[in-house]
N, C-alpha and C. Protein backbone atom coordinates (compact mmCIF):
# COMPACT_ATOMS: atom_id res chain seq x y z
N MET A 1 67.69 122.64 115.83
CA MET A 1 68.36 122.66 117.08
C MET A 1 68.96 123.71 117.78
N ILE A 2 69.68 122.85 119.02
CA ILE A 2 69.94 124.13 119.91
C ILE A 2 71.17 124.11 119.70
N ALA A 3 72.21 125.42 119.94
CA ALA A 3 73.42 125.58 120.00
C ALA A 3 73.97 126.27 121.23
N VAL A 4 74.90 125.72 121.73
CA VAL A 4 75.76 126.06 123.45
C VAL A 4 77.05 127.30 123.16
N ASP A 5 76.50 128.54 123.57
CA ASP A 5 77.68 129.58 123.78
C ASP A 5 78.72 129.62 124.79
N THR A 6 80.19 129.64 124.82
CA THR A 6 80.87 129.57 125.40
C THR A 6 80.97 130.05 126.56
N ASN A 7 80.20 130.50 127.34
CA ASN A 7 79.36 130.73 129.17
C ASN A 7 79.21 129.64 129.42
N ILE A 8 78.42 129.20 128.23
CA ILE A 8 77.66 128.31 129.24
C ILE A 8 78.21 126.65 128.92
N LEU A 9 79.31 126.56 128.34
CA LEU A 9 80.45 125.36 128.23
C LEU A 9 81.76 125.88 129.67
N VAL A 10 81.93 127.11 129.63
CA VAL A 10 82.82 127.40 130.98
C VAL A 10 82.15 127.19 131.67
N TYR A 11 81.57 127.72 132.57
CA TYR A 11 80.52 127.23 133.62
C TYR A 11 79.88 126.09 134.07
N ALA A 12 79.74 125.38 132.94
CA ALA A 12 79.37 123.63 133.30
C ALA A 12 79.99 122.92 133.73
N HIS A 13 81.88 123.36 132.45
CA HIS A 13 83.49 122.92 133.77
C HIS A 13 83.74 123.57 134.77
N ARG A 14 83.44 124.84 134.69
CA ARG A 14 84.57 125.05 136.20
C ARG A 14 83.63 124.94 137.91
N ARG A 15 83.58 123.95 138.43
CA ARG A 15 83.10 123.90 139.29
C ARG A 15 82.63 125.43 140.98
N GLU A 16 83.61 125.55 140.28
CA GLU A 16 83.38 127.32 141.05
C GLU A 16 82.96 128.31 140.91
N SER A 17 82.37 128.09 139.86
CA SER A 17 81.17 128.82 138.92
C SER A 17 79.97 128.45 139.48
N ARG A 18 79.44 129.93 139.67
CA ARG A 18 77.95 130.13 140.56
C ARG A 18 77.22 129.24 139.65
N HIS A 19 77.27 129.21 138.50
CA HIS A 19 76.61 128.76 137.03
C HIS A 19 76.51 127.43 137.68
N HIS A 20 77.45 126.94 138.04
CA HIS A 20 78.28 125.45 137.73
C HIS A 20 76.65 124.87 137.05
N ASP A 21 76.58 123.95 138.53
CA ASP A 21 74.81 123.10 138.86
C ASP A 21 74.81 123.44 137.33
N ALA A 22 73.64 124.80 137.07
CA ALA A 22 72.98 124.45 136.59
C ALA A 22 73.40 124.62 134.46
N ALA A 23 74.08 124.93 134.58
CA ALA A 23 75.04 124.64 132.95
C ALA A 23 75.73 123.42 132.97
N LYS A 24 76.11 122.74 134.15
CA LYS A 24 76.45 121.32 133.92
C LYS A 24 75.45 120.40 133.83
N ALA A 25 73.90 121.25 134.34
CA ALA A 25 72.88 120.39 134.23
C ALA A 25 71.83 120.13 133.19
N GLU A 26 72.24 121.49 132.21
CA GLU A 26 71.52 121.93 131.12
C GLU A 26 72.95 120.80 130.06
N MET A 27 73.90 120.87 129.87
CA MET A 27 74.57 120.56 128.87
C MET A 27 74.80 118.75 129.08
N ARG A 28 74.26 118.37 130.54
CA ARG A 28 73.80 116.69 130.78
C ARG A 28 72.94 116.63 130.20
N ALA A 29 71.37 117.72 130.11
CA ALA A 29 70.40 117.01 129.59
C ALA A 29 70.62 117.13 127.89
N LEU A 30 70.80 117.67 127.73
CA LEU A 30 71.89 117.97 125.96
C LEU A 30 72.22 116.68 125.89
N ALA A 31 73.43 116.61 126.35
CA ALA A 31 74.09 115.13 126.03
C ALA A 31 73.39 113.80 125.77
N GLN A 32 72.69 113.49 126.91
CA GLN A 32 71.72 112.55 126.98
C GLN A 32 70.72 112.50 126.75
N GLY A 33 69.81 113.66 125.85
CA GLY A 33 68.53 113.88 125.28
C GLY A 33 68.94 113.08 123.52
N ARG A 34 67.61 113.16 123.08
CA ARG A 34 67.45 112.52 121.71
C ARG A 34 67.58 113.93 121.10
N GLY A 35 67.46 114.89 120.91
CA GLY A 35 67.04 116.08 120.18
C GLY A 35 68.67 116.85 119.38
N GLY A 36 69.05 117.45 118.36
CA GLY A 36 70.27 117.61 118.43
C GLY A 36 70.83 118.85 118.93
N TRP A 37 72.09 119.00 119.24
CA TRP A 37 72.53 120.04 119.90
C TRP A 37 73.91 119.84 119.39
N ALA A 38 74.41 121.31 119.44
CA ALA A 38 75.35 121.63 118.37
C ALA A 38 76.37 122.65 119.29
N ILE A 39 77.53 122.65 119.15
CA ILE A 39 78.46 123.68 119.30
C ILE A 39 79.46 124.34 118.57
N PRO A 40 79.46 125.85 118.16
CA PRO A 40 80.18 126.61 117.28
C PRO A 40 81.78 126.50 117.86
N TRP A 41 82.32 125.95 116.85
CA TRP A 41 83.56 125.91 116.59
C TRP A 41 84.25 127.12 117.01
N PRO A 42 83.91 127.90 116.85
CA PRO A 42 84.58 129.29 117.86
C PRO A 42 84.34 129.23 119.56
N CYS A 43 83.02 128.65 119.79
CA CYS A 43 83.03 128.56 120.63
C CYS A 43 83.92 127.17 121.85
N LEU A 44 84.34 126.46 120.97
CA LEU A 44 85.79 125.54 121.17
C LEU A 44 86.55 126.17 121.69
N TYR A 45 87.04 126.76 120.79
CA TYR A 45 88.83 127.58 120.87
C TYR A 45 88.27 128.67 122.16
N GLU A 46 87.40 129.51 122.45
CA GLU A 46 87.09 129.90 123.09
C GLU A 46 87.18 129.30 124.59
N PHE A 47 86.47 128.54 124.51
CA PHE A 47 86.40 127.60 125.32
C PHE A 47 87.89 127.63 126.34
N VAL A 48 88.12 126.61 125.55
CA VAL A 48 89.87 125.95 125.61
C VAL A 48 90.74 126.91 126.22
N SER A 49 90.49 128.69 125.50
CA SER A 49 91.23 130.06 125.95
C SER A 49 90.76 130.13 127.21
N VAL A 50 89.67 130.03 127.88
CA VAL A 50 89.13 130.77 129.27
C VAL A 50 89.83 130.07 129.80
N VAL A 51 89.09 128.44 129.84
CA VAL A 51 89.98 127.75 130.96
C VAL A 51 90.69 127.59 131.41
N THR A 52 92.30 127.64 130.64
CA THR A 52 93.48 127.55 130.47
C THR A 52 93.82 128.76 130.57
N ASN A 53 93.27 129.72 131.60
CA ASN A 53 93.78 130.99 131.26
C ASN A 53 94.34 131.41 132.85
N PRO A 54 95.46 130.98 132.98
CA PRO A 54 95.70 131.27 134.75
C PRO A 54 95.37 132.48 134.69
N ARG A 55 95.70 133.90 134.37
CA ARG A 55 94.94 135.20 134.71
C ARG A 55 93.53 135.02 135.16
N ILE A 56 93.35 133.86 134.81
CA ILE A 56 91.62 134.18 135.27
C ILE A 56 90.83 133.56 136.45
N TRP A 57 92.34 132.25 136.15
CA TRP A 57 91.93 131.10 137.19
C TRP A 57 93.14 130.63 138.28
N LYS A 58 94.25 131.59 138.31
CA LYS A 58 94.78 131.76 139.33
C LYS A 58 95.66 130.91 138.92
N ASP A 59 95.64 129.90 140.13
CA ASP A 59 96.56 128.77 140.46
C ASP A 59 95.59 127.44 140.38
N SER A 60 94.22 127.98 139.66
CA SER A 60 93.54 127.12 139.11
C SER A 60 93.04 126.47 137.94
N ALA A 61 93.95 127.09 137.16
CA ALA A 61 93.30 126.87 135.76
C ALA A 61 93.36 125.34 135.58
N SER A 62 91.93 125.01 134.27
CA SER A 62 92.28 124.08 133.75
C SER A 62 93.54 123.70 132.95
N SER A 63 93.98 122.10 132.81
CA SER A 63 95.70 122.05 131.79
C SER A 63 94.46 121.86 130.70
N THR A 64 95.30 121.96 129.68
CA THR A 64 94.76 121.59 128.48
C THR A 64 94.19 120.34 128.14
N ALA A 65 94.71 119.05 128.91
CA ALA A 65 94.10 117.79 129.08
C ALA A 65 93.08 118.08 128.96
N GLN A 66 92.53 118.53 130.59
CA GLN A 66 91.23 118.28 131.17
C GLN A 66 90.35 118.72 130.24
N ALA A 67 90.76 120.34 129.58
CA ALA A 67 89.45 120.79 128.76
C ALA A 67 89.19 119.78 127.09
N TRP A 68 90.48 119.29 127.08
CA TRP A 68 90.07 118.85 125.27
C TRP A 68 89.08 117.15 126.44
N ARG A 69 89.68 116.58 127.17
CA ARG A 69 88.74 115.68 127.70
C ARG A 69 87.30 116.20 127.67
N GLN A 70 87.24 117.26 128.56
CA GLN A 70 85.85 117.89 128.78
C GLN A 70 84.97 118.02 126.90
N ILE A 71 85.72 118.83 126.33
CA ILE A 71 84.81 118.55 125.20
C ILE A 71 85.06 117.49 124.15
N GLU A 72 85.90 115.98 124.55
CA GLU A 72 85.61 114.72 123.83
C GLU A 72 84.57 114.18 124.50
N ALA A 73 84.08 114.91 125.95
CA ALA A 73 82.81 114.12 126.65
C ALA A 73 81.59 115.26 125.81
N TRP A 74 81.77 116.38 125.49
CA TRP A 74 80.46 117.00 124.67
C TRP A 74 80.58 116.15 123.54
N THR A 75 81.13 115.89 122.85
CA THR A 75 81.40 115.95 121.53
C THR A 75 81.15 114.44 121.42
N GLY A 76 81.37 113.75 121.94
CA GLY A 76 81.15 112.10 122.13
C GLY A 76 79.83 111.75 122.43
N SER A 77 78.83 112.74 122.50
CA SER A 77 77.15 112.83 122.51
C SER A 77 76.65 112.37 121.23
N PRO A 78 75.79 110.83 121.11
CA PRO A 78 75.20 110.85 119.63
C PRO A 78 74.86 112.37 119.33
N THR A 79 74.10 113.04 119.49
CA THR A 79 73.22 113.90 119.26
C THR A 79 73.73 115.19 119.00
N SER A 80 75.08 115.26 119.52
CA SER A 80 76.22 116.55 119.00
C SER A 80 76.90 116.92 117.37
N LEU A 81 76.70 117.71 117.30
CA LEU A 81 77.38 118.13 116.23
C LEU A 81 78.72 119.47 115.96
N LEU A 82 79.43 120.09 115.24
CA LEU A 82 80.25 120.74 116.08
C LEU A 82 80.20 121.96 114.33
N LEU A 83 79.92 123.17 114.79
CA LEU A 83 79.17 124.09 113.48
C LEU A 83 79.82 124.89 113.34
N GLY A 84 80.69 125.24 111.84
CA GLY A 84 81.47 125.96 111.17
C GLY A 84 81.01 127.17 110.18
N GLU A 85 81.81 127.59 109.18
CA GLU A 85 81.36 128.29 108.19
C GLU A 85 80.66 127.88 107.77
N THR A 86 79.51 128.41 106.78
CA THR A 86 79.13 127.47 105.68
C THR A 86 79.91 128.38 104.29
N GLU A 87 79.36 127.40 103.26
CA GLU A 87 79.52 128.30 102.18
C GLU A 87 79.36 129.61 101.48
N ASP A 88 78.35 129.91 102.29
CA ASP A 88 77.44 131.38 102.27
C ASP A 88 77.91 132.77 103.33
N PHE A 89 78.34 131.64 104.33
CA PHE A 89 78.83 132.05 105.56
C PHE A 89 79.56 133.84 105.47
N LEU A 90 80.14 134.20 104.07
CA LEU A 90 80.47 135.66 104.15
C LEU A 90 79.63 136.62 104.24
N ALA A 91 78.34 136.28 103.80
CA ALA A 91 76.88 136.92 103.76
C ALA A 91 76.36 137.02 104.75
N VAL A 92 76.00 136.14 105.20
CA VAL A 92 75.84 136.01 106.37
C VAL A 92 76.38 136.97 107.59
N LEU A 93 78.05 136.56 107.81
CA LEU A 93 78.79 137.59 108.05
C LEU A 93 78.78 138.69 108.34
N GLU A 94 79.20 139.48 106.88
CA GLU A 94 78.47 140.71 106.84
C GLU A 94 77.50 141.14 107.42
N SER A 95 76.30 140.84 106.88
CA SER A 95 75.00 141.22 107.14
C SER A 95 75.22 141.56 108.76
N PHE A 96 75.83 141.17 109.25
CA PHE A 96 75.86 140.81 111.25
C PHE A 96 77.13 141.86 111.63
N VAL A 97 78.37 142.00 111.14
CA VAL A 97 79.09 142.91 111.42
C VAL A 97 79.12 144.47 111.32
N CYS A 98 78.12 144.31 110.12
CA CYS A 98 78.36 145.81 109.59
C CYS A 98 77.58 146.44 110.35
N ARG A 99 76.62 145.75 111.59
CA ARG A 99 74.94 147.04 112.39
C ARG A 99 76.12 147.69 113.57
N PRO A 100 75.47 148.92 113.88
CA PRO A 100 76.12 150.16 114.91
C PRO A 100 76.08 148.61 115.98
N ARG A 101 77.01 149.16 116.78
CA ARG A 101 77.66 148.68 117.72
C ARG A 101 78.06 147.28 118.12
N VAL A 102 78.42 146.69 117.03
CA VAL A 102 79.22 144.95 116.40
C VAL A 102 80.94 145.73 116.68
N LEU A 103 81.13 146.20 117.40
CA LEU A 103 82.38 146.04 117.52
C LEU A 103 83.54 145.59 118.23
N GLY A 104 84.59 145.10 118.11
CA GLY A 104 85.40 144.45 118.63
C GLY A 104 85.35 143.27 119.14
N ALA A 105 85.30 143.29 120.31
CA ALA A 105 84.84 141.46 121.00
C ALA A 105 83.36 141.15 120.17
N VAL A 106 82.80 141.97 120.22
CA VAL A 106 81.24 142.12 119.96
C VAL A 106 81.30 141.05 118.43
N VAL A 107 83.13 141.44 117.80
CA VAL A 107 82.58 141.00 116.35
C VAL A 107 83.09 139.33 116.83
N HIS A 108 83.00 138.79 118.07
CA HIS A 108 83.22 136.92 117.74
C HIS A 108 81.98 136.75 117.93
N ASP A 109 80.90 138.07 118.76
CA ASP A 109 79.85 136.93 118.91
C ASP A 109 79.48 136.94 117.52
N ALA A 110 79.09 137.98 116.67
CA ALA A 110 78.57 137.98 115.40
C ALA A 110 78.95 137.00 114.43
N ARG A 111 80.39 136.24 114.61
CA ARG A 111 80.59 135.05 113.85
C ARG A 111 79.97 134.19 114.46
N VAL A 112 79.48 134.18 115.79
CA VAL A 112 79.26 132.51 116.46
C VAL A 112 77.87 132.89 115.98
N ALA A 113 77.07 133.63 116.18
CA ALA A 113 75.60 134.05 115.64
C ALA A 113 75.25 133.66 114.04
N ALA A 114 76.28 133.94 113.53
CA ALA A 114 76.27 133.72 111.76
C ALA A 114 76.25 132.40 111.53
N ILE A 115 76.85 132.31 112.18
CA ILE A 115 77.34 130.05 111.99
C ILE A 115 76.31 129.57 112.88
N CYS A 116 75.61 129.79 113.49
CA CYS A 116 74.11 129.34 113.76
C CYS A 116 73.08 130.22 112.87
N VAL A 117 72.73 130.74 112.53
CA VAL A 117 71.94 131.23 111.85
C VAL A 117 72.20 130.61 110.29
N ALA A 118 73.56 130.54 109.76
CA ALA A 118 73.67 130.21 108.25
C ALA A 118 73.42 128.15 108.79
N HIS A 119 73.07 127.88 109.50
CA HIS A 119 73.31 126.41 110.21
C HIS A 119 71.82 125.97 110.61
N GLY A 120 70.75 127.01 110.43
CA GLY A 120 69.69 127.17 110.84
C GLY A 120 69.50 126.52 112.56
N VAL A 121 70.17 127.34 113.50
CA VAL A 121 69.56 126.46 114.37
C VAL A 121 68.67 127.39 115.25
N ASP A 122 67.64 127.02 115.85
CA ASP A 122 66.76 126.82 116.55
C ASP A 122 66.49 128.10 117.76
N GLU A 123 67.57 127.68 118.43
CA GLU A 123 67.51 128.35 120.14
C GLU A 123 69.62 128.14 120.28
N LEU A 124 70.17 129.41 120.50
CA LEU A 124 71.41 129.29 121.05
C LEU A 124 71.25 129.83 122.79
N LEU A 125 71.67 128.28 123.63
CA LEU A 125 71.78 128.80 125.35
C LEU A 125 73.41 129.64 125.20
N THR A 126 72.67 130.89 126.19
CA THR A 126 74.00 131.69 126.34
C THR A 126 73.41 132.87 127.90
N ALA A 127 74.58 133.53 128.47
CA ALA A 127 73.71 134.30 128.95
C ALA A 127 74.63 135.55 128.88
N ASP A 128 75.36 135.71 127.46
CA ASP A 128 75.72 136.84 127.25
C ASP A 128 74.49 137.48 126.36
N ARG A 129 74.93 138.69 126.56
CA ARG A 129 74.11 139.76 126.34
C ARG A 129 73.81 140.64 125.21
N ASP A 130 75.10 140.15 124.96
CA ASP A 130 75.28 140.70 123.66
C ASP A 130 74.81 140.14 122.50
N PHE A 131 74.45 138.97 122.34
CA PHE A 131 73.62 138.54 121.59
C PHE A 131 72.35 138.50 121.09
N ALA A 132 71.50 139.83 121.75
CA ALA A 132 70.48 140.51 121.70
C ALA A 132 70.78 141.31 120.57
N LEU A 133 71.50 141.41 119.85
CA LEU A 133 72.08 142.58 118.81
C LEU A 133 72.12 141.71 117.23
N PHE A 134 71.78 140.35 117.63
CA PHE A 134 71.03 139.43 116.16
C PHE A 134 70.03 139.07 116.81
N PRO A 135 68.13 139.67 116.39
CA PRO A 135 67.02 139.13 116.37
C PRO A 135 66.82 138.13 115.78
N GLU A 136 67.75 137.11 114.57
CA GLU A 136 67.53 136.20 113.98
C GLU A 136 67.48 135.04 114.26
N LEU A 137 68.68 135.11 115.54
CA LEU A 137 68.55 134.08 116.45
C LEU A 137 68.10 134.27 117.54
N ARG A 138 66.91 133.34 117.90
CA ARG A 138 66.64 132.92 119.39
C ARG A 138 67.32 132.59 120.58
N LEU A 139 66.94 133.35 121.57
CA LEU A 139 68.26 133.00 123.01
C LEU A 139 67.48 132.56 123.82
N ARG A 140 68.46 131.64 124.88
CA ARG A 140 67.44 131.35 126.16
C ARG A 140 69.12 130.74 126.95
N ASN A 141 68.33 131.88 127.84
CA ASN A 141 68.88 131.86 129.44
C ASN A 141 69.22 130.84 130.29
N PRO A 142 69.82 129.97 130.53
CA PRO A 142 69.27 128.46 130.83
C PRO A 142 69.99 128.73 132.64
N LEU A 143 70.46 129.91 132.81
CA LEU A 143 71.29 130.13 134.32
C LEU A 143 69.63 131.01 134.66
N SER A 144 69.14 131.56 134.25
CA SER A 144 68.40 132.27 134.44
C SER A 144 66.80 131.30 134.89
């Protein structure tokens, strides 16, 4: 199963991003494909937070309704799943957050990585290099 990180979701949604076309094509291929793919719940929350933030997008921030319609489109794919914490999640998360350099905002990435590993995700699509701190999770940058 392939999981998708927040940055790919944001780039697929925001047309002004220089990565929009590549990210949108990747999301379309996942949504229309036959293979299972997933979005970790924390990435959905972060997606809404980022695309609706007027400090980032000034006068062109997405409305909450626009962001929500985008989420409904992605999760409407019959092959999509939403991934959350599992019963043994604390043990997995502990092994990730207790590593050197996992501080501050990287703790969020540790949470996403731990969710993916706990669910047996084969690959995380991301442009975020901080995920390299978690070699248990195979990464692919669909934008490069």
